[in-house]
Amino acid sequence: MTSRSDSRGPRRADGPDPPPGPSEAMNTCVVCGAQYPRGQSCPRCRPQRYRAASGGFDKGKWGLIAVGVAVFLLLMIGAYFVIKGLAKGGQEYGQALHGAQERGSEVGCTLQLTNVYRSLQIAAMSADGKFPASLGELYSPGELHCPSREGPAYVYVPGQDLSMPGSNVLVYEAAPAHDGKCSVLRLNGRVELLTPEALQAELDRTRRAMAPRRR
């Protein structure tokens, strides 16, 4: 067996290599001053091994947990406001939809009463200005009612003619169907909404206006 040699001199063939010199085999960390083998990193300065002086607290690990908790809380807060906004938007949409349906029923009721007036006017013009004795002469029973959801029937005030005051009530709804109001058709063809109290007052005035003609 022969001896090996390298740049540092001959080596013994019958035993381990002698330990390298300190200046050649070890490095000194410029941060903490610790000695560590050449080719490796300083064990004290590795980022994943930074520890607090007490309890071995891992700053990196708990920092990530804190960030995760903060992000989760922000997401929960954002979700809360999103859900709240959707609920408010849904409520406003429902109110708007109800309002649109209500306005639609009012328009439908007005158009229907306008058509009723045209039929009554044509009948009166062919009968010396006198309106029919009942709506049954022009329409089938149960045919005339408000197109709203409640759909109250129309009530006719007979015994009138074209010479009477145009503000007299000619046809009206039996019950309020439009936000607490009743549709009213006057003798001049105008359609309007009145509260039940105002409608009753107009009916009383109409009957007083009709009274002299009945004597």
Foldseek 3Di string as FASTA:
>chain_A
DDWDADPVGTADPPDDGDDDDQVPQWDADPPPRDIDGPPDDDPQPDLQQDADPPPRDGPVVVVVVVVVVVVVVVVVVVVVVVVVVVVVVVVVVVVVVVVVLLVVLVVQQLVVLLVVLVVQQVVCVVVVFAGDQDCVVPDPPPPAFRPHPVTAHKDADHDDGLVFDQQAWGIKGPADDRPQWIWTATNVGDIDTDHPVVVVVSNVVNVVSNVVVVD
